[in-house]
Amino acid sequence: MTVELKAGDDRAIVDERAGGRLASLIAGSAERLVHKEDDPLDDPPWWWGSFLMAPVPGRLAEGKLPWRGKTYQITPNLGEHRLHGVVFDQAWTVDEADGASVSLSCRLDDRWPLGGVIRQRLRLAPGSLQQVVEIEAGRQSMPAGVGWHPWFRRPASGDVRVRLNADAVLVNGPGLIPNGEVAPVEGDTDLREGPALGDRRLDDVYPEVKGPAVITWPDLEMTLSFEPPATVGVVYTPARGFCVEPQTQWPNAPQLAVEGLAGTGLTELDPGEILRVQTVWSWTAA
């Protein structure tokens, strides 16, 4: 089952069975997201639409979740690592829908042994999409983080530009797992002036994004808010599309925090506490 949202000439489709993801976004009279049908294999199911990464965004090394003296095993789904959290391919429940907005929820199952529930609300208005997420801890405390993983469509002709006001990127070790070091942006990783993507192939984490990201297609300019606690950005630019991902924490943040690294953005929730995060995408004709 899918839910269609309408606002003026803009349209969005939310697929509750596929991680409650945004399956389509018509903005400025054109599709802005990669469709499931664009990837005939759809294996693994993280190559299309825009989905929520929670309660840990990005990579979790060897699927190991250290938390308050214990280490929990989260089943790996990319080689030896866990990627994109545990709810991106789960069926969600539609709690409310009114034509321009939809509220969904997903109870954390045995993939996430600490329990809890995640709620999200998407509200479409002419020229904007608000997305709000809440993670509520259950009977146990838990680490919590949120990220959005949109697969944006490249234009049929011309190029796309991405501006991200960030001065540094994380340094990765094996398996694209951050090693705790930070390096200044330079060359292809420097997106501060909004360069054309061209053939640059990025897969980089920007730890301190200042202000919104801006994506410019030949016909449309879209602004993606990075509001605290979402101050981490990931930019991924394979040939098939491109991703600009607002996140609240570094990949592998639970393990890095145990190693004594500060500043990863990791949030700690006591039982019943809630982490609330939002991103707003707004667009105008270029």
Protein backbone atom coordinates (compact mmCIF):
# COMPACT_ATOMS: atom_id res chain seq x y z
CA MET A 1 0.00 0.00 0.00
CA THR A 2 1.19 3.51 -0.77
CA VAL A 3 -0.02 6.94 0.31
CA GLU A 4 -0.13 9.83 -2.16
CA LEU A 5 0.35 13.40 -0.95
CA LYS A 6 -0.69 16.42 -3.03
CA ALA A 7 -0.02 20.14 -2.68
CA GLY A 8 -0.57 22.38 -5.68
CA ASP A 9 1.39 20.89 -8.56
CA ASP A 10 3.69 18.92 -6.25
CA ARG A 11 3.19 15.23 -5.50
CA ALA A 12 4.78 12.66 -3.20
CA ILE A 13 4.25 8.94 -2.72
CA VAL A 14 5.10 7.18 0.55
CA ASP A 15 5.52 3.38 0.52
CA GLU A 16 4.69 2.09 3.99
CA ARG A 17 5.83 -1.46 3.17
CA ALA A 18 9.30 -0.41 2.01
CA GLY A 19 10.56 1.24 5.17
CA GLY A 20 7.98 4.02 5.09
CA ARG A 21 10.13 5.57 2.41
CA LEU A 22 9.44 8.40 0.04
CA ALA A 23 9.07 6.50 -3.22
CA SER A 24 8.44 9.49 -5.48
CA LEU A 25 8.69 13.27 -5.31
CA ILE A 26 7.34 15.39 -8.15
CA ALA A 27 8.72 18.90 -7.59
CA GLY A 28 8.72 21.59 -10.24
CA SER A 29 6.79 19.30 -12.58
CA ALA A 30 9.54 16.65 -12.68
CA GLU A 31 10.48 13.51 -10.74
CA ARG A 32 13.40 14.17 -8.39
CA LEU A 33 14.01 10.68 -6.97
CA VAL A 34 15.35 7.43 -8.41
CA HIS A 35 12.52 4.89 -8.70
CA LYS A 36 12.55 1.27 -7.65
CA GLU A 37 11.94 0.32 -11.29
CA ASP A 38 15.20 2.04 -12.25
CA ASP A 39 17.08 -0.74 -10.45
CA PRO A 40 15.69 -4.07 -11.73
CA LEU A 41 17.60 -6.12 -9.17
CA ASP A 42 16.62 -4.03 -6.11
CA ASP A 43 19.05 -6.09 -4.07
CA PRO A 44 19.88 -4.79 -1.54
CA PRO A 45 16.82 -2.50 -1.26
CA TRP A 46 18.64 0.78 -0.59
CA TRP A 47 19.16 2.07 -4.12
CA TRP A 48 15.96 4.06 -4.63
CA GLY A 49 13.58 6.61 -3.16
CA SER A 50 14.38 8.33 0.12
CA PHE A 51 14.40 6.26 3.29
CA LEU A 52 15.01 6.74 6.97
CA MET A 53 18.19 5.44 8.58
CA ALA A 54 17.59 4.71 12.27
CA PRO A 55 18.35 4.20 15.08
CA VAL A 56 21.92 4.22 13.74
CA PRO A 57 22.63 5.89 10.36
CA GLY A 58 25.47 4.82 8.12
CA ARG A 59 27.82 1.95 8.85
CA LEU A 60 28.12 0.02 12.10
CA ALA A 61 31.41 -1.88 12.05
CA GLU A 62 30.88 -5.66 12.19
CA GLY A 63 27.33 -4.96 13.38
CA LYS A 64 28.62 -4.51 16.94
CA LEU A 65 26.64 -2.17 19.20
CA PRO A 66 28.46 -1.45 22.46
CA TRP A 67 26.17 0.06 25.03
CA ARG A 68 26.65 0.57 28.77
CA GLY A 69 28.92 -2.36 29.41
CA LYS A 70 27.39 -4.80 26.94
CA THR A 71 27.95 -5.45 23.25
CA TYR A 72 24.91 -6.36 21.15
CA GLN A 73 25.15 -7.98 17.73
CA ILE A 74 23.15 -6.36 14.94
CA THR A 75 22.96 -8.69 11.94
CA PRO A 76 25.35 -7.52 9.18
CA ASN A 77 23.81 -6.73 5.79
CA LEU A 78 26.85 -5.48 3.83
CA GLY A 79 29.71 -7.94 4.13
CA GLU A 80 30.70 -7.94 7.79
CA HIS A 81 29.08 -4.57 8.55
CA ARG A 82 25.58 -3.27 9.26
CA LEU A 83 24.45 -0.49 6.92
CA HIS A 84 21.63 2.09 7.16
CA GLY A 85 20.03 1.05 10.44
CA VAL A 86 17.26 -1.50 10.87
CA VAL A 87 14.00 0.01 9.54
CA PHE A 88 14.66 0.95 5.89
CA ASP A 89 13.14 -2.31 4.61
CA GLN A 90 10.56 -2.89 7.35
CA ALA A 91 6.80 -2.48 6.97
CA TRP A 92 5.56 0.63 8.76
CA THR A 93 2.06 1.38 10.03
CA VAL A 94 0.12 4.35 8.68
CA ASP A 95 -1.35 6.03 11.75
CA GLU A 96 -2.93 9.05 10.05
CA ALA A 97 -3.18 10.55 6.55
CA ASP A 98 -5.08 13.58 5.28
CA GLY A 99 -4.06 14.05 1.65
CA ALA A 100 -1.17 16.44 2.26
CA SER A 101 0.49 14.66 5.21
CA VAL A 102 1.00 11.19 6.60
CA SER A 103 2.13 9.87 9.99
CA LEU A 104 3.72 6.44 10.30
CA SER A 105 5.25 4.34 13.05
CA CYS A 106 7.51 1.32 13.34
CA ARG A 107 8.19 -0.63 16.51
CA LEU A 108 11.79 -1.74 16.77
CA ASP A 109 11.85 -5.53 16.52
CA ASP A 110 14.44 -8.16 17.36
CA ARG A 111 16.85 -6.59 14.88
CA TRP A 112 17.34 -3.93 17.56
CA PRO A 113 17.52 -5.68 20.95
CA LEU A 114 17.09 -2.48 23.00
CA GLY A 115 13.50 -1.94 21.86
CA GLY A 116 11.72 1.35 21.29
CA VAL A 117 9.55 2.87 18.59
CA ILE A 118 10.14 5.26 15.68
CA ARG A 119 7.57 7.70 14.31
CA GLN A 120 7.77 9.90 11.27
CA ARG A 121 5.52 12.52 9.73
CA LEU A 122 5.80 13.86 6.19
CA ARG A 123 3.91 17.03 5.28
CA LEU A 124 3.83 18.32 1.70
CA ALA A 125 3.05 21.96 0.92
CA PRO A 126 3.46 23.81 -2.39
CA GLY A 127 7.23 24.06 -2.80
CA SER A 128 8.26 22.23 0.37
CA LEU A 129 8.36 18.91 2.20
CA GLN A 130 8.73 18.72 5.98
CA GLN A 131 9.94 15.45 7.48
CA VAL A 132 9.90 14.97 11.25
CA VAL A 133 11.17 11.86 13.06
CA GLU A 134 10.92 10.81 16.69
CA ILE A 135 12.78 7.91 18.29
CA GLU A 136 11.37 6.92 21.66
CA ALA A 137 13.31 4.59 23.92
CA GLY A 138 11.39 1.68 25.40
CA ARG A 139 12.04 0.10 28.77
CA GLN A 140 15.79 0.24 28.25
CA SER A 141 18.16 3.10 27.57
CA MET A 142 19.61 3.21 24.07
CA PRO A 143 21.85 5.17 21.71
CA ALA A 144 19.89 6.96 18.99
CA GLY A 145 20.62 8.59 15.68
CA VAL A 146 18.70 9.54 12.56
CA GLY A 147 19.56 10.08 8.93
CA TRP A 148 17.69 10.52 5.65
CA HIS A 149 19.00 8.78 2.53
CA PRO A 150 17.49 10.40 -0.58
CA TRP A 151 18.43 9.02 -3.99
CA PHE A 152 18.14 12.10 -6.17
CA ARG A 153 17.74 11.76 -9.92
CA ARG A 154 20.34 13.25 -12.23
CA PRO A 155 18.96 15.46 -15.03
CA ALA A 156 18.40 14.00 -18.49
CA SER A 157 20.57 16.78 -19.89
CA GLY A 158 22.93 19.21 -18.26
CA ASP A 159 24.46 18.77 -14.82
CA VAL A 160 23.52 19.18 -11.18
CA ARG A 161 25.30 21.35 -8.63
CA VAL A 162 25.60 20.66 -4.90
CA ARG A 163 26.55 23.25 -2.29
CA LEU A 164 27.46 22.07 1.20
CA ASN A 165 29.04 24.51 3.63
CA ALA A 166 31.46 22.22 5.45
CA ASP A 167 35.19 22.64 5.94
CA ALA A 168 36.16 19.06 6.77
CA VAL A 169 35.53 15.39 5.96
CA LEU A 170 36.01 12.27 8.03
CA VAL A 171 38.98 10.02 7.29
CA ASN A 172 37.96 6.41 6.68
CA GLY A 173 39.70 3.18 7.46
CA PRO A 174 38.89 -0.21 5.88
CA GLY A 175 35.28 -0.72 4.86
CA LEU A 176 34.59 3.05 4.78
CA ILE A 177 34.49 3.06 8.59
CA PRO A 178 35.64 6.40 10.08
CA ASN A 179 38.86 6.06 12.05
CA GLY A 180 38.20 9.15 14.17
CA GLU A 181 40.39 11.54 12.18
CA VAL A 182 39.18 14.65 10.37
CA ALA A 183 40.76 16.23 7.29
CA PRO A 184 40.14 19.56 5.55
CA VAL A 185 38.10 19.50 2.34
CA GLU A 186 40.08 19.91 -0.85
CA GLY A 187 39.63 19.24 -4.55
CA ASP A 188 36.58 17.14 -5.29
CA THR A 189 35.41 17.04 -1.66
CA ASP A 190 35.16 20.85 -1.44
CA LEU A 191 31.49 21.66 -2.10
CA ARG A 192 31.40 25.07 -0.42
CA GLU A 193 30.96 27.00 -3.68
CA GLY A 194 28.33 24.69 -5.14
CA PRO A 195 30.32 23.04 -7.94
CA ALA A 196 28.82 20.92 -10.71
CA LEU A 197 29.08 17.23 -9.81
CA GLY A 198 30.32 16.23 -13.25
CA ASP A 199 32.13 12.92 -13.00
CA ARG A 200 33.38 13.36 -9.43
CA ARG A 201 32.67 10.24 -7.39
CA LEU A 202 32.22 11.09 -3.73
CA ASP A 203 31.34 8.92 -0.75
CA ASP A 204 32.22 11.29 2.07
CA VAL A 205 31.00 12.31 5.52
CA TYR A 206 31.07 16.01 6.44
CA PRO A 207 31.03 16.27 10.26
CA GLU A 208 30.07 19.93 10.83
CA VAL A 209 27.71 21.26 8.18
CA LYS A 210 26.87 24.92 8.58
CA GLY A 211 23.47 25.88 7.25
CA PRO A 212 21.43 24.15 4.56
CA ALA A 213 22.60 22.18 1.54
CA VAL A 214 21.54 23.45 -1.87
CA ILE A 215 20.97 21.25 -4.92
CA THR A 216 20.55 22.93 -8.30
CA TRP A 217 19.20 21.07 -11.31
CA PRO A 218 18.96 22.94 -14.64
CA ASP A 219 15.29 23.69 -13.86
CA LEU A 220 15.04 23.65 -10.05
CA GLU A 221 16.86 24.73 -6.90
CA MET A 222 16.21 22.72 -3.74
CA THR A 223 17.34 23.60 -0.23
CA LEU A 224 17.79 20.85 2.39
CA SER A 225 17.84 22.03 5.99
CA PHE A 226 20.54 20.80 8.35
CA GLU A 227 19.06 21.86 11.67
CA PRO A 228 20.57 20.69 14.97
CA PRO A 229 20.87 17.97 15.98
CA ALA A 230 21.22 17.07 12.27
CA THR A 231 24.60 18.68 11.52
CA VAL A 232 26.32 15.79 9.72
CA GLY A 233 26.08 15.43 5.95
CA VAL A 234 26.95 12.53 3.66
CA VAL A 235 27.39 13.07 -0.07
CA TYR A 236 27.45 10.03 -2.35
CA THR A 237 27.68 10.49 -6.12
CA PRO A 238 27.76 7.28 -8.18
CA ALA A 239 26.77 7.48 -11.83
CA ARG A 240 23.24 6.17 -11.22
CA GLY A 241 22.15 9.16 -9.08
CA PHE A 242 23.36 11.21 -6.14
CA CYS A 243 22.66 11.42 -2.42
CA VAL A 244 22.80 14.35 0.00
CA GLU A 245 22.01 12.92 3.43
CA PRO A 246 21.20 14.92 6.59
CA GLN A 247 22.27 12.95 9.68
CA THR A 248 22.58 13.48 13.41
CA GLN A 249 25.75 11.47 13.98
CA TRP A 250 28.84 10.01 12.40
CA PRO A 251 28.82 6.47 11.01
CA ASN A 252 29.89 3.96 13.68
CA ALA A 253 29.29 6.56 16.39
CA PRO A 254 28.48 4.04 19.18
CA GLN A 255 31.84 2.31 18.77
CA LEU A 256 33.78 5.57 18.39
CA ALA A 257 32.17 6.93 21.56
CA VAL A 258 33.24 3.85 23.53
CA GLU A 259 36.78 4.47 22.27
CA GLY A 260 36.62 7.90 23.88
CA LEU A 261 36.03 10.06 20.81
CA ALA A 262 33.89 13.15 21.48
CA GLY A 263 31.83 15.09 18.98
CA THR A 264 30.32 12.20 17.03
CA GLY A 265 26.76 13.44 17.60
CA LEU A 266 25.70 10.29 19.45
CA THR A 267 22.50 10.82 21.47
CA GLU A 268 21.80 8.78 24.60
CA LEU A 269 18.17 8.15 25.52
CA ASP A 270 16.98 6.95 28.91
CA PRO A 271 13.78 4.87 29.05
CA GLY A 272 10.86 6.83 27.63
CA GLU A 273 13.00 9.72 26.35
CA ILE A 274 12.55 10.97 22.78
CA LEU A 275 14.95 12.22 20.13
CA ARG A 276 13.13 14.53 17.68
CA VAL A 277 14.74 15.57 14.38
CA GLN A 278 13.45 17.28 11.28
CA THR A 279 14.59 18.23 7.81
CA VAL A 280 12.73 20.56 5.46
CA TRP A 281 13.23 20.46 1.70
CA SER A 282 12.07 23.54 -0.19
CA TRP A 283 12.31 24.32 -3.88
CA THR A 284 11.82 27.03 -6.49
CA ALA A 285 12.31 27.21 -10.22
CA ALA A 286 15.99 27.73 -11.04
